[in-house]
Protein backbone atom coordinates (compact mmCIF):
# COMPACT_ATOMS: atom_id res chain seq x y z
CA MET A 1 -22.40 17.99 -46.76
CA ALA A 2 -21.21 15.12 -49.64
CA VAL A 3 -24.02 13.31 -51.16
CA LYS A 4 -23.03 10.93 -53.34
CA SER A 5 -23.46 12.10 -56.53
CA GLU A 6 -20.98 14.36 -55.81
CA LEU A 7 -18.78 11.49 -54.23
CA LEU A 8 -19.34 9.20 -58.06
CA LYS A 9 -18.01 13.06 -59.63
CA LYS A 10 -14.90 12.95 -57.95
CA PHE A 11 -14.87 9.30 -58.41
CA SER A 12 -14.90 9.77 -62.55
CA LYS A 13 -12.31 12.63 -61.80
CA HIS A 14 -9.88 10.51 -59.99
CA TRP A 15 -10.55 7.10 -62.39
CA PRO A 16 -11.51 8.61 -65.61
CA GLY A 17 -10.82 5.52 -67.43
CA PHE A 18 -13.83 3.94 -65.36
CA LEU A 19 -17.40 3.57 -66.72
CA LYS A 20 -19.67 6.04 -64.61
CA LYS A 21 -22.02 3.24 -64.39
CA ASP A 22 -19.63 1.31 -63.43
CA LEU A 23 -17.65 3.72 -60.30
CA GLU A 24 -21.74 3.69 -59.01
CA LYS A 25 -21.71 0.04 -58.78
CA VAL A 26 -18.47 -0.41 -57.03
CA SER A 27 -19.70 2.39 -54.79
CA PHE A 28 -23.43 1.19 -53.87
CA ILE A 29 -21.62 -2.74 -53.75
CA ILE A 30 -19.26 -1.42 -51.10
CA LEU A 31 -22.54 0.78 -49.33
CA ASN A 32 -24.14 -2.27 -48.93
CA GLU A 33 -21.67 -5.01 -47.88
CA ILE A 34 -21.22 -2.25 -44.89
CA LYS A 35 -25.07 -2.31 -44.26
CA ARG A 36 -25.48 -6.48 -44.64
CA ALA A 37 -22.31 -6.94 -42.61
CA LEU A 38 -23.47 -4.30 -39.93
CA LYS A 39 -27.38 -5.91 -39.69
CA ARG A 40 -25.24 -9.25 -38.81
CA GLY A 41 -24.10 -7.50 -35.87
CA HIS A 42 -20.75 -7.20 -37.16
CA SER A 43 -18.06 -5.04 -36.84
CA VAL A 44 -16.46 -2.82 -40.43
CA GLU A 45 -13.05 -1.19 -39.75
CA LEU A 46 -12.02 0.64 -42.92
CA ARG A 47 -8.25 1.25 -42.08
CA SER A 48 -6.84 5.24 -42.28
CA PHE A 49 -10.66 6.03 -41.94
CA GLY A 50 -12.82 4.34 -39.44
CA SER A 51 -14.76 1.79 -37.60
CA PHE A 52 -18.30 1.11 -37.24
CA LYS A 53 -20.21 -0.78 -35.00
CA THR A 54 -23.67 -1.94 -33.82
CA ARG A 55 -24.89 -1.38 -30.31
CA ILE A 56 -27.87 -2.32 -29.07
CA GLN A 57 -30.29 0.69 -27.35
CA LYS A 58 -32.44 -1.40 -24.31
CA ALA A 59 -35.92 -0.73 -24.43
CA SER A 60 -36.54 1.43 -22.72
CA ILE A 61 -39.85 4.22 -21.24
CA ARG A 62 -38.77 8.24 -22.20
CA ARG A 63 -41.19 11.56 -22.14
CA ASN A 64 -42.75 13.63 -24.61
CA PRO A 65 -41.37 16.50 -24.45
CA ARG A 66 -44.07 19.09 -25.30
CA THR A 67 -46.93 16.44 -23.99
CA GLY A 68 -45.53 15.34 -20.96
CA GLN A 69 -46.75 11.92 -21.65
CA LYS A 70 -44.99 8.46 -21.39
CA VAL A 71 -43.67 6.87 -24.10
CA ALA A 72 -42.87 3.09 -24.49
CA ILE A 73 -39.43 2.58 -26.65
CA ALA A 74 -38.60 -0.38 -28.57
CA GLU A 75 -35.16 -2.22 -27.93
CA LYS A 76 -33.25 -1.21 -31.18
CA ARG A 77 -29.58 -1.07 -32.68
CA GLN A 78 -27.45 1.55 -33.27
CA ILE A 79 -24.55 2.64 -34.77
CA ARG A 80 -20.98 3.57 -34.04
CA PHE A 81 -18.97 5.35 -35.62
CA LYS A 82 -15.41 5.18 -34.01
CA MET A 83 -12.79 7.51 -36.13
CA ALA A 84 -9.44 6.47 -37.33
CA LYS A 85 -6.29 8.63 -36.04
CA ASP A 86 -5.28 9.38 -38.74
CA MET A 87 -8.84 10.46 -39.67
CA PHE A 88 -8.02 12.92 -37.09
CA LYS A 89 -5.11 14.02 -37.60
CA LYS A 90 -6.22 15.11 -41.30
CA ILE A 91 -8.89 16.65 -40.34
CA ASN A 92 -7.79 18.23 -37.43
CA ASN A 93 -4.53 19.27 -39.38
CA GLU A 94 -1.66 17.82 -37.53
CA GLU A 95 0.53 15.98 -40.40
């Protein structure tokens, strides 16, 4: 699993001319803009990587598996990720 600190280390290796704090700021801006777009209900597409979309999950009544008690779940948004064909090929060694 990759965490943000590991990604920043890889960024600094690939772009040694940039300060680490600047790379951190750029990654923060990119991730923040993705979050803001999804919050507004827009989709985000990163070419050769994939796309993020939100979907509304309707309110429903479900059952707690531990107690068997019925629980009301409120309507909420879910994030859906669809992988790009290029990414699928890279992951599955189909290049």
